[in-house]
Amino acid sequence: MPDTRLIAIDWGTTSARAYWLDGGGRIVDERNAPLGIQKIIDRDFAGALARLCGELPSGVPLLACGMIGSRQGWIETPYRDCPAGFGAIAAMLTVVPGTRVHIVPGLICRDRNRVPDVMRGEETQLFGALPDDLRGRRAVVLPGTHSKWAIVSDSGIETFATFMTGELYAVLREHSILGRLVAPGHDASALERGLRHSLREDAALSHDLFSARTLALTGVLAPAGITDYLSGLLLGAEIAAARVWLAQHQLASAAVALVGDAMLSERYRSALAVAAIDATLGPTDAAARGLWRIAKHAGIMK
């Protein structure tokens, strides 16, 4: 590709997306393939990279983030303690021996009880989502299988918390009694009903989840609304817990920025509105932008 200065790769569990970035950090090409680390046979990561990117331009560095740096990935990269800024992350890039591939480290933090939390890949999205003129502190939410709520500032990423909302939904929908009465369809009112039920003061998720069955059995909830109601219960529980977490970090009344898949972010924005939390949508190219910024700080581009 003409004027390519960096090939940036967001390499996750199920898929990999590569971006060709020019001298100004603009995307001149991108490619996506189902070549996440779970899809790689016999640890042939070099072969997967060749299938994803084709012939690599001479001398151009590659910078990857995500699960490619996990214990199950190409090479395990260390976790960097929070708080962490660009300099701290750039100083800990790991080079895959015999290649031009650099891998971004993950982040680790600990809550008030010293229980650890980790991320790989989301830290790069967060760095890409930071506005150039950010002043003070703000909350950023990355919806997904494992949603991340993070507190960022002009100095970097302060701390974060993970909520397994997406994975819990999939497990309950596919592998529990709650999915047995489900019928195809969507019901926005059922989603909001579930949200409000989980946002009430005396909510108890392990009890409330069973209501996805009992409301359907008694005819209050239509089978086509069960999945939306279940999603609402889980989203509401996440938001309620995250609201407490934000208050602990002196951000109780803060608006949040949403970064990630557009449809999922819109779903979160609607859910947050029910909880009276303002939300804005962040950049759609946060991963590519974050990799570019980290590469600049690391000085790996000519």
C-alpha atoms as a PDB file:
ATOM      1  CA  MET A   1       0.000   0.000   0.000  1.00  0.00           C
ATOM      2  CA  PRO A   2       1.329   3.505  -0.820  1.00  0.00           C
ATOM      3  CA  ASP A   3       2.756   5.490   2.113  1.00  0.00           C
ATOM      4  CA  THR A   4       2.075   2.690   4.600  1.00  0.00           C
ATOM      5  CA  ARG A   5       3.900   3.448   7.824  1.00  0.00           C
ATOM      6  CA  LEU A   6       2.311   0.902  10.136  1.00  0.00           C
ATOM      7  CA  ILE A   7       0.224  -2.247   9.902  1.00  0.00           C
ATOM      8  CA  ALA A   8      -1.979  -2.263  12.991  1.00  0.00           C
ATOM      9  CA  ILE A   9      -3.751  -5.489  13.973  1.00  0.00           C
ATOM     10  CA  ASP A  10      -6.605  -5.926  16.416  1.00  0.00           C
ATOM     11  CA  TRP A  11      -6.191  -9.685  16.973  1.00  0.00           C
ATOM     12  CA  GLY A  12      -8.789 -11.254  19.206  1.00  0.00           C
ATOM     13  CA  THR A  13     -10.232 -14.616  20.161  1.00  0.00           C
ATOM     14  CA  THR A  14     -12.386 -15.277  17.092  1.00  0.00           C
ATOM     15  CA  SER A  15     -11.261 -12.759  14.460  1.00  0.00           C
ATOM     16  CA  ALA A  16      -8.434 -10.497  13.396  1.00  0.00           C
ATOM     17  CA  ARG A  17      -8.622  -7.101  11.686  1.00  0.00           C
ATOM     18  CA  ALA A  18      -5.585  -5.447  10.095  1.00  0.00           C
ATOM     19  CA  TYR A  19      -5.284  -1.754   9.216  1.00  0.00           C
ATOM     20  CA  TRP A  20      -2.749  -0.181   6.858  1.00  0.00           C
ATOM     21  CA  LEU A  21      -2.006   3.293   8.254  1.00  0.00           C
ATOM     22  CA  ASP A  22      -0.311   6.108   6.363  1.00  0.00           C
ATOM     23  CA  GLY A  23       2.026   8.856   7.552  1.00  0.00           C
ATOM     24  CA  GLY A  24      -0.824  10.729   9.227  1.00  0.00           C
ATOM     25  CA  GLY A  25      -2.334   7.690  10.914  1.00  0.00           C
ATOM     26  CA  ARG A  26      -5.163   7.471   8.367  1.00  0.00           C
ATOM     27  CA  ILE A  27      -6.535   4.075   7.342  1.00  0.00           C
ATOM     28  CA  VAL A  28      -5.656   3.388   3.684  1.00  0.00           C
ATOM     29  CA  ASP A  29      -6.773  -0.239   3.710  1.00  0.00           C
ATOM     30  CA  GLU A  30      -8.168  -2.815   6.117  1.00  0.00           C
ATOM     31  CA  ARG A  31      -8.809  -6.534   6.095  1.00  0.00           C
ATOM     32  CA  ASN A  32     -10.769  -8.804   8.392  1.00  0.00           C
ATOM     33  CA  ALA A  33     -10.674 -12.583   8.707  1.00  0.00           C
ATOM     34  CA  PRO A  34     -11.942 -15.288  11.114  1.00  0.00           C
ATOM     35  CA  LEU A  35      -8.387 -15.942  12.286  1.00  0.00           C
ATOM     36  CA  GLY A  36      -8.674 -15.312  16.023  1.00  0.00           C
ATOM     37  CA  ILE A  37      -6.421 -17.275  18.316  1.00  0.00           C
ATOM     38  CA  GLN A  38      -9.065 -19.984  18.832  1.00  0.00           C
ATOM     39  CA  LYS A  39      -9.113 -20.618  15.076  1.00  0.00           C
ATOM     40  CA  ILE A  40      -5.349 -21.120  14.656  1.00  0.00           C
ATOM     41  CA  ILE A  41      -4.284 -24.722  14.063  1.00  0.00           C
ATOM     42  CA  ASP A  42      -0.981 -25.964  15.531  1.00  0.00           C
ATOM     43  CA  ARG A  43      -0.090 -22.441  16.675  1.00  0.00           C
ATOM     44  CA  ASP A  44       0.656 -21.365  13.096  1.00  0.00           C
ATOM     45  CA  PHE A  45       0.333 -17.663  13.843  1.00  0.00           C
ATOM     46  CA  ALA A  46       2.854 -16.732  11.159  1.00  0.00           C
ATOM     47  CA  GLY A  47       0.722 -18.514   8.577  1.00  0.00           C
ATOM     48  CA  ALA A  48      -2.415 -16.799   9.868  1.00  0.00           C
ATOM     49  CA  LEU A  49      -0.687 -13.428   9.573  1.00  0.00           C
ATOM     50  CA  ALA A  50       0.240 -14.200   5.960  1.00  0.00           C
ATOM     51  CA  ARG A  51      -3.359 -15.154   5.161  1.00  0.00           C
ATOM     52  CA  LEU A  52      -4.651 -11.984   6.806  1.00  0.00           C
ATOM     53  CA  CYS A  53      -2.182  -9.484   5.359  1.00  0.00           C
ATOM     54  CA  GLY A  54      -0.719 -11.083   2.253  1.00  0.00           C
ATOM     55  CA  GLU A  55       2.715  -9.849   1.206  1.00  0.00           C
ATOM     56  CA  LEU A  56       4.021  -7.414   3.779  1.00  0.00           C
ATOM     57  CA  PRO A  57       5.603  -4.131   2.619  1.00  0.00           C
ATOM     58  CA  SER A  58       9.347  -4.041   3.226  1.00  0.00           C
ATOM     59  CA  GLY A  59      10.488  -2.405   6.448  1.00  0.00           C
ATOM     60  CA  VAL A  60       7.005  -1.533   7.724  1.00  0.00           C
ATOM     61  CA  PRO A  61       6.506  -2.487  11.388  1.00  0.00           C
ATOM     62  CA  LEU A  62       3.467  -4.390  12.632  1.00  0.00           C
ATOM     63  CA  LEU A  63       1.795  -3.652  15.956  1.00  0.00           C
ATOM     64  CA  ALA A  64      -0.856  -5.990  17.342  1.00  0.00           C
ATOM     65  CA  CYS A  65      -3.116  -5.893  20.372  1.00  0.00           C
ATOM     66  CA  GLY A  66      -5.602  -8.274  21.938  1.00  0.00           C
ATOM     67  CA  MET A  67      -5.595 -11.948  22.770  1.00  0.00           C
ATOM     68  CA  ILE A  68      -2.670 -12.552  20.414  1.00  0.00           C
ATOM     69  CA  GLY A  69      -0.576 -11.495  23.425  1.00  0.00           C
ATOM     70  CA  SER A  70      -2.276 -13.892  25.842  1.00  0.00           C
ATOM     71  CA  ARG A  71      -0.973 -17.203  27.159  1.00  0.00           C
ATOM     72  CA  GLN A  72      -2.865 -18.915  24.327  1.00  0.00           C
ATOM     73  CA  GLY A  73      -1.589 -16.440  21.716  1.00  0.00           C
ATOM     74  CA  TRP A  74       1.571 -16.079  19.658  1.00  0.00           C
ATOM     75  CA  ILE A  75       3.684 -14.944  22.585  1.00  0.00           C
ATOM     76  CA  GLU A  76       2.575 -13.977  26.075  1.00  0.00           C
ATOM     77  CA  THR A  77       3.085 -10.326  26.921  1.00  0.00           C
ATOM     78  CA  PRO A  78       3.145  -9.092  30.515  1.00  0.00           C
ATOM     79  CA  TYR A  79       0.359  -7.118  32.140  1.00  0.00           C
ATOM     80  CA  ARG A  80       1.122  -3.493  32.962  1.00  0.00           C
ATOM     81  CA  ASP A  81      -0.216  -2.203  36.268  1.00  0.00           C
ATOM     82  CA  CYS A  82      -2.715   0.651  36.267  1.00  0.00           C
ATOM     83  CA  PRO A  83      -2.581   3.566  36.187  1.00  0.00           C
ATOM     84  CA  ALA A  84      -0.877   3.471  32.799  1.00  0.00           C
ATOM     85  CA  GLY A  85      -0.242   6.121  30.173  1.00  0.00           C
ATOM     86  CA  PHE A  86       1.116   5.966  26.632  1.00  0.00           C
ATOM     87  CA  GLY A  87       4.719   5.929  27.788  1.00  0.00           C
ATOM     88  CA  ALA A  88       4.218   3.001  30.151  1.00  0.00           C
ATOM     89  CA  ILE A  89       2.497   0.913  27.476  1.00  0.00           C
ATOM     90  CA  ALA A  90       4.988   1.827  24.742  1.00  0.00           C
ATOM     91  CA  ALA A  91       7.903   0.832  26.964  1.00  0.00           C
ATOM     92  CA  MET A  92       6.522  -2.696  27.376  1.00  0.00           C
ATOM     93  CA  LEU A  93       5.934  -3.763  23.773  1.00  0.00           C
ATOM     94  CA  THR A  94       6.989  -7.370  23.163  1.00  0.00           C
ATOM     95  CA  VAL A  95       8.591  -8.351  19.849  1.00  0.00           C
ATOM     96  CA  VAL A  96       7.823 -11.776  18.406  1.00  0.00           C
ATOM     97  CA  PRO A  97      11.283 -13.290  17.755  1.00  0.00           C
ATOM     98  CA  GLY A  98      12.277 -13.357  14.097  1.00  0.00           C
ATOM     99  CA  THR A  99       9.487 -10.990  13.014  1.00  0.00           C
ATOM    100  CA  ARG A 100       8.601  -7.317  12.757  1.00  0.00           C
ATOM    101  CA  VAL A 101       5.552  -7.914  14.947  1.00  0.00           C
ATOM    102  CA  HIS A 102       5.297  -5.963  18.200  1.00  0.00           C
ATOM    103  CA  ILE A 103       2.544  -6.836  20.677  1.00  0.00           C
ATOM    104  CA  VAL A 104       0.904  -4.419  23.105  1.00  0.00           C
ATOM    105  CA  PRO A 105       0.832  -5.528  26.767  1.00  0.00           C
ATOM    106  CA  GLY A 106      -2.436  -6.016  28.607  1.00  0.00           C
ATOM    107  CA  LEU A 107      -3.421  -4.080  31.720  1.00  0.00           C
ATOM    108  CA  ILE A 108      -4.099  -5.228  35.254  1.00  0.00           C
ATOM    109  CA  CYS A 109      -5.710  -3.412  38.153  1.00  0.00           C
ATOM    110  CA  ARG A 110      -7.000  -4.406  41.587  1.00  0.00           C
ATOM    111  CA  ASP A 111     -10.175  -3.392  43.337  1.00  0.00           C
ATOM    112  CA  ARG A 112     -10.597  -2.322  46.951  1.00  0.00           C
ATOM    113  CA  ASN A 113     -10.402  -5.950  48.057  1.00  0.00           C
ATOM    114  CA  ARG A 114      -7.202  -6.483  46.045  1.00  0.00           C
ATOM    115  CA  VAL A 115      -8.991  -8.746  43.558  1.00  0.00           C
ATOM    116  CA  PRO A 116      -7.315  -8.440  40.135  1.00  0.00           C
ATOM    117  CA  ASP A 117      -9.013  -7.512  36.885  1.00  0.00           C
ATOM    118  CA  VAL A 118      -7.374  -7.689  33.440  1.00  0.00           C
ATOM    119  CA  MET A 119      -7.849  -6.589  29.845  1.00  0.00           C
ATOM    120  CA  ARG A 120      -6.163  -7.304  26.522  1.00  0.00           C
ATOM    121  CA  GLY A 121      -7.056  -5.217  23.481  1.00  0.00           C
ATOM    122  CA  GLU A 122      -9.488  -2.893  25.231  1.00  0.00           C
ATOM    123  CA  GLU A 123      -6.598  -0.791  26.536  1.00  0.00           C
ATOM    124  CA  THR A 124      -5.717   0.040  22.924  1.00  0.00           C
ATOM    125  CA  GLN A 125      -9.318   1.014  22.153  1.00  0.00           C
ATOM    126  CA  LEU A 126      -9.294   3.246  25.217  1.00  0.00           C
ATOM    127  CA  PHE A 127      -6.096   4.968  24.104  1.00  0.00           C
ATOM    128  CA  GLY A 128      -7.649   5.449  20.684  1.00  0.00           C
ATOM    129  CA  ALA A 129     -10.824   6.879  22.179  1.00  0.00           C
ATOM    130  CA  LEU A 130      -9.072   9.512  24.288  1.00  0.00           C
ATOM    131  CA  PRO A 131      -9.742  12.951  22.775  1.00  0.00           C
ATOM    132  CA  ASP A 132      -6.696  15.106  22.154  1.00  0.00           C
ATOM    133  CA  ASP A 133      -8.110  17.847  24.380  1.00  0.00           C
ATOM    134  CA  LEU A 134      -9.283  15.682  27.307  1.00  0.00           C
ATOM    135  CA  ARG A 135      -9.147  17.501  30.637  1.00  0.00           C
ATOM    136  CA  GLY A 136      -9.939  15.873  33.946  1.00  0.00           C
ATOM    137  CA  ARG A 137     -11.417  12.384  34.251  1.00  0.00           C
ATOM    138  CA  ARG A 138     -14.204  10.547  32.454  1.00  0.00           C
ATOM    139  CA  ALA A 139     -15.815   7.116  32.243  1.00  0.00           C
ATOM    140  CA  VAL A 140     -15.626   5.007  29.096  1.00  0.00           C
ATOM    141  CA  VAL A 141     -17.670   1.847  28.501  1.00  0.00           C
ATOM    142  CA  LEU A 142     -16.662  -0.857  26.022  1.00  0.00           C
ATOM    143  CA  PRO A 143     -19.708  -3.123  25.546  1.00  0.00           C
ATOM    144  CA  GLY A 144     -19.064  -6.718  24.586  1.00  0.00           C
ATOM    145  CA  THR A 145     -18.936 -10.306  25.746  1.00  0.00           C
ATOM    146  CA  HIS A 146     -16.981  -9.015  28.728  1.00  0.00           C
ATOM    147  CA  SER A 147     -17.948  -5.361  29.067  1.00  0.00           C
ATOM    148  CA  LYS A 148     -15.312  -3.008  30.421  1.00  0.00           C
ATOM    149  CA  TRP A 149     -15.982   0.154  32.394  1.00  0.00           C
ATOM    150  CA  ALA A 150     -12.862   2.299  32.603  1.00  0.00           C
ATOM    151  CA  ILE A 151     -11.843   5.590  34.133  1.00  0.00           C
ATOM    152  CA  VAL A 152      -9.483   7.593  31.954  1.00  0.00           C
ATOM    153  CA  SER A 153      -7.819  10.983  32.192  1.00  0.00           C
ATOM    154  CA  ASP A 154      -5.299  13.040  30.261  1.00  0.00           C
ATOM    155  CA  SER A 155      -2.581  10.924  31.890  1.00  0.00           C
ATOM    156  CA  GLY A 156      -4.000   7.583  30.663  1.00  0.00           C
ATOM    157  CA  ILE A 157      -6.054   4.716  32.075  1.00  0.00           C
ATOM    158  CA  GLU A 158      -6.574   4.914  35.838  1.00  0.00           C
ATOM    159  CA  THR A 159      -8.578   1.758  36.538  1.00  0.00           C
ATOM    160  CA  PHE A 160     -11.344  -0.444  35.121  1.00  0.00           C
ATOM    161  CA  ALA A 161     -13.925  -3.112  35.954  1.00  0.00           C
ATOM    162  CA  THR A 162     -15.162  -6.081  33.913  1.00  0.00           C
ATOM    163  CA  PHE A 163     -18.762  -7.305  33.682  1.00  0.00           C
ATOM    164  CA  MET A 164     -19.471 -10.685  32.016  1.00  0.00           C
ATOM    165  CA  THR A 165     -22.877  -9.545  30.785  1.00  0.00           C
ATOM    166  CA  GLY A 166     -22.620 -10.790  27.204  1.00  0.00           C
ATOM    167  CA  GLU A 167     -21.263 -14.196  28.139  1.00  0.00           C
ATOM    168  CA  LEU A 168     -23.834 -14.662  30.911  1.00  0.00           C
ATOM    169  CA  TYR A 169     -26.609 -13.848  28.441  1.00  0.00           C
ATOM    170  CA  ALA A 170     -25.324 -16.437  25.959  1.00  0.00           C
ATOM    171  CA  VAL A 171     -24.935 -19.135  28.621  1.00  0.00           C
ATOM    172  CA  LEU A 172     -28.379 -18.530  30.120  1.00  0.00           C
ATOM    173  CA  ARG A 173     -30.055 -18.262  26.724  1.00  0.00           C
ATOM    174  CA  GLU A 174     -28.498 -21.435  25.311  1.00  0.00           C
ATOM    175  CA  HIS A 175     -27.786 -23.651  28.303  1.00  0.00           C
ATOM    176  CA  SER A 176     -30.334 -22.922  31.029  1.00  0.00           C
ATOM    177  CA  ILE A 177     -34.030 -23.489  31.631  1.00  0.00           C
ATOM    178  CA  LEU A 178     -34.644 -19.807  30.836  1.00  0.00           C
ATOM    179  CA  GLY A 179     -34.240 -20.423  27.121  1.00  0.00           C
ATOM    180  CA  ARG A 180     -36.755 -23.254  26.806  1.00  0.00           C
ATOM    181  CA  LEU A 181     -39.830 -21.082  26.299  1.00  0.00           C
ATOM    182  CA  VAL A 182     -38.179 -18.604  23.939  1.00  0.00           C
ATOM    183  CA  ALA A 183     -39.782 -17.771  20.600  1.00  0.00           C
ATOM    184  CA  PRO A 184     -38.232 -15.660  17.815  1.00  0.00           C
ATOM    185  CA  GLY A 185     -38.824 -11.931  17.937  1.00  0.00           C
ATOM    186  CA  HIS A 186     -37.931  -8.720  19.734  1.00  0.00           C
ATOM    187  CA  ASP A 187     -39.802  -6.660  22.293  1.00  0.00           C
ATOM    188  CA  ALA A 188     -38.419  -3.261  23.331  1.00  0.00           C
ATOM    189  CA  SER A 189     -40.902  -3.017  26.181  1.00  0.00           C
ATOM    190  CA  ALA A 190     -39.674  -6.346  27.585  1.00  0.00           C
ATOM    191  CA  LEU A 191     -36.100  -5.056  27.478  1.00  0.00           C
ATOM    192  CA  GLU A 192     -37.055  -1.951  29.427  1.00  0.00           C
ATOM    193  CA  ARG A 193     -39.087  -4.021  31.893  1.00  0.00           C
ATOM    194  CA  GLY A 194     -36.031  -6.178  32.608  1.00  0.00           C
ATOM    195  CA  LEU A 195     -33.826  -3.113  32.958  1.00  0.00           C
ATOM    196  CA  ARG A 196     -36.101  -1.423  35.463  1.00  0.00           C
ATOM    197  CA  HIS A 197     -36.496  -4.641  37.433  1.00  0.00           C
ATOM    198  CA  SER A 198     -32.722  -4.927  37.875  1.00  0.00           C
ATOM    199  CA  LEU A 199     -32.301  -1.219  38.606  1.00  0.00           C
ATOM    200  CA  ARG A 200     -34.684  -1.212  41.574  1.00  0.00           C
ATOM    201  CA  GLU A 201     -33.170  -0.783  45.031  1.00  0.00           C
ATOM    202  CA  ASP A 202     -33.871  -4.334  46.259  1.00  0.00           C
ATOM    203  CA  ALA A 203     -32.775  -6.136  43.081  1.00  0.00           C
ATOM    204  CA  ALA A 204     -31.240  -9.604  43.507  1.00  0.00           C
ATOM    205  CA  LEU A 205     -30.016 -10.972  40.181  1.00  0.00           C
ATOM    206  CA  SER A 206     -29.897 -14.697  40.985  1.00  0.00           C
ATOM    207  CA  HIS A 207     -33.544 -14.441  42.129  1.00  0.00           C
ATOM    208  CA  ASP A 208     -34.696 -12.001  39.462  1.00  0.00           C
ATOM    209  CA  LEU A 209     -33.373 -14.156  36.614  1.00  0.00           C
ATOM    210  CA  PHE A 210     -36.010 -16.814  37.332  1.00  0.00           C
ATOM    211  CA  SER A 211     -38.701 -14.257  36.584  1.00  0.00           C
ATOM    212  CA  ALA A 212     -37.775 -14.634  32.878  1.00  0.00           C
ATOM    213  CA  ARG A 213     -39.417 -18.058  33.180  1.00  0.00           C
ATOM    214  CA  THR A 214     -42.250 -17.353  35.588  1.00  0.00           C
ATOM    215  CA  LEU A 215     -43.496 -14.253  33.744  1.00  0.00           C
ATOM    216  CA  ALA A 216     -43.668 -16.332  30.559  1.00  0.00           C
ATOM    217  CA  LEU A 217     -45.353 -19.277  32.291  1.00  0.00           C
ATOM    218  CA  THR A 218     -48.079 -17.008  33.665  1.00  0.00           C
ATOM    219  CA  GLY A 219     -48.654 -15.241  30.350  1.00  0.00           C
ATOM    220  CA  VAL A 220     -47.380 -11.845  31.510  1.00  0.00           C
ATOM    221  CA  LEU A 221     -44.380 -12.009  29.180  1.00  0.00           C
ATOM    222  CA  ALA A 222     -44.754 -13.233  25.594  1.00  0.00           C
ATOM    223  CA  PRO A 223     -42.268 -15.919  24.459  1.00  0.00           C
ATOM    224  CA  ALA A 224     -40.926 -13.475  21.855  1.00  0.00           C
ATOM    225  CA  GLY A 225     -39.991 -11.060  24.642  1.00  0.00           C
ATOM    226  CA  ILE A 226     -38.073 -13.465  26.896  1.00  0.00           C
ATOM    227  CA  THR A 227     -34.643 -12.834  25.409  1.00  0.00           C
ATOM    228  CA  ASP A 228     -35.055  -9.055  25.531  1.00  0.00           C
ATOM    229  CA  TYR A 229     -36.318  -9.241  29.111  1.00  0.00           C
ATOM    230  CA  LEU A 230     -33.326 -11.425  30.055  1.00  0.00           C
ATOM    231  CA  SER A 231     -30.974  -9.013  28.317  1.00  0.00           C
ATOM    232  CA  GLY A 232     -32.579  -6.146  30.221  1.00  0.00           C
ATOM    233  CA  LEU A 233     -32.119  -7.921  33.560  1.00  0.00           C
ATOM    234  CA  LEU A 234     -28.416  -8.467  32.897  1.00  0.00           C
ATOM    235  CA  LEU A 235     -27.812  -4.994  31.499  1.00  0.00           C
ATOM    236  CA  GLY A 236     -29.603  -3.431  34.432  1.00  0.00           C
ATOM    237  CA  ALA A 237     -27.517  -5.444  36.908  1.00  0.00           C
ATOM    238  CA  GLU A 238     -24.337  -4.325  35.134  1.00  0.00           C
ATOM    239  CA  ILE A 239     -25.344  -0.676  35.131  1.00  0.00           C
ATOM    240  CA  ALA A 240     -26.436  -0.769  38.788  1.00  0.00           C
ATOM    241  CA  ALA A 241     -23.115  -2.286  39.875  1.00  0.00           C
ATOM    242  CA  ALA A 242     -21.102   0.038  37.641  1.00  0.00           C
ATOM    243  CA  ARG A 243     -22.928   3.058  39.046  1.00  0.00           C
ATOM    244  CA  VAL A 244     -21.769   2.074  42.544  1.00  0.00           C
ATOM    245  CA  TRP A 245     -18.256   1.511  41.202  1.00  0.00           C
ATOM    246  CA  LEU A 246     -18.183   4.959  39.599  1.00  0.00           C
ATOM    247  CA  ALA A 247     -19.342   6.546  42.847  1.00  0.00           C
ATOM    248  CA  GLN A 248     -16.474   4.853  44.672  1.00  0.00           C
ATOM    249  CA  HIS A 249     -14.134   6.609  42.243  1.00  0.00           C
ATOM    250  CA  GLN A 250     -15.829  10.010  42.593  1.00  0.00           C
ATOM    251  CA  LEU A 251     -17.585   9.887  39.217  1.00  0.00           C
ATOM    252  CA  ALA A 252     -21.136   9.286  40.400  1.00  0.00           C
ATOM    253  CA  SER A 253     -22.808  11.893  38.197  1.00  0.00           C
ATOM    254  CA  ALA A 254     -20.542  11.564  35.179  1.00  0.00           C
ATOM    255  CA  ALA A 255     -21.690  10.912  31.637  1.00  0.00           C
ATOM    256  CA  VAL A 256     -20.013   8.023  29.859  1.00  0.00           C
ATOM    257  CA  ALA A 257     -18.573   7.458  26.392  1.00  0.00           C
ATOM    258  CA  LEU A 258     -19.380   4.225  24.548  1.00  0.00           C
ATOM    259  CA  VAL A 259     -16.709   2.638  22.359  1.00  0.00           C
ATOM    260  CA  GLY A 260     -17.205  -0.481  20.261  1.00  0.00           C
ATOM    261  CA  ASP A 261     -19.740  -2.154  17.975  1.00  0.00           C
ATOM    262  CA  ALA A 262     -22.254   0.437  16.791  1.00  0.00           C
ATOM    263  CA  MET A 263     -25.418  -1.629  17.319  1.00  0.00           C
ATOM    264  CA  LEU A 264     -24.353  -2.837  20.759  1.00  0.00           C
ATOM    265  CA  SER A 265     -23.325   0.682  21.759  1.00  0.00           C
ATOM    266  CA  GLU A 266     -26.759   1.989  20.775  1.00  0.00           C
ATOM    267  CA  ARG A 267     -28.366  -0.731  22.900  1.00  0.00           C
ATOM    268  CA  TYR A 268     -26.218   0.330  25.838  1.00  0.00           C
ATOM    269  CA  ARG A 269     -27.016   3.998  25.255  1.00  0.00           C
ATOM    270  CA  SER A 270     -30.743   3.225  25.411  1.00  0.00           C
ATOM    271  CA  ALA A 271     -30.247   1.163  28.570  1.00  0.00           C
ATOM    272  CA  LEU A 272     -28.159   3.884  30.211  1.00  0.00           C
ATOM    273  CA  ALA A 273     -30.860   6.444  29.421  1.00  0.00           C
ATOM    274  CA  VAL A 274     -33.359   4.366  31.441  1.00  0.00           C
ATOM    275  CA  ALA A 275     -30.862   4.589  34.321  1.00  0.00           C
ATOM    276  CA  ALA A 276     -30.645   8.391  33.798  1.00  0.00           C
ATOM    277  CA  ILE A 277     -27.015   8.197  32.659  1.00  0.00           C
ATOM    278  CA  ASP A 278     -26.037  10.292  29.640  1.00  0.00           C
ATOM    279  CA  ALA A 279     -23.905   8.504  27.052  1.00  0.00           C
ATOM    280  CA  THR A 280     -22.118   9.577  23.882  1.00  0.00           C
ATOM    281  CA  LEU A 281     -20.711   7.403  21.104  1.00  0.00           C
ATOM    282  CA  GLY A 282     -16.934   7.294  20.749  1.00  0.00           C
ATOM    283  CA  PRO A 283     -14.893   6.819  17.550  1.00  0.00           C
ATOM    284  CA  THR A 284     -15.519   3.696  15.480  1.00  0.00           C
ATOM    285  CA  ASP A 285     -11.820   3.307  14.604  1.00  0.00           C
ATOM    286  CA  ALA A 286     -10.578   3.390  18.204  1.00  0.00           C
ATOM    287  CA  ALA A 287      -8.385   0.266  17.905  1.00  0.00           C
ATOM    288  CA  ALA A 288      -6.533   1.530  14.814  1.00  0.00           C
ATOM    289  CA  ARG A 289      -6.149   4.994  16.315  1.00  0.00           C
ATOM    290  CA  GLY A 290      -4.880   3.555  19.599  1.00  0.00           C
ATOM    291  CA  LEU A 291      -2.303   1.343  17.872  1.00  0.00           C
ATOM    292  CA  TRP A 292      -1.058   4.339  15.881  1.00  0.00           C
ATOM    293  CA  ARG A 293      -0.665   6.446  19.002  1.00  0.00           C
ATOM    294  CA  ILE A 294       1.169   3.666  20.860  1.00  0.00           C
ATOM    295  CA  ALA A 295       3.493   3.107  17.883  1.00  0.00           C
ATOM    296  CA  LYS A 296       4.354   6.817  17.812  1.00  0.00           C
ATOM    297  CA  HIS A 297       5.184   6.826  21.508  1.00  0.00           C
ATOM    298  CA  ALA A 298       7.275   3.683  21.110  1.00  0.00           C
ATOM    299  CA  GLY A 299       9.204   5.128  18.193  1.00  0.00           C
ATOM    300  CA  ILE A 300       8.902   1.964  16.087  1.00  0.00           C
ATOM    301  CA  MET A 301       7.997   3.791  12.850  1.00  0.00           C
ATOM    302  CA  LYS A 302      10.605   5.317  10.567  1.00  0.00           C
END
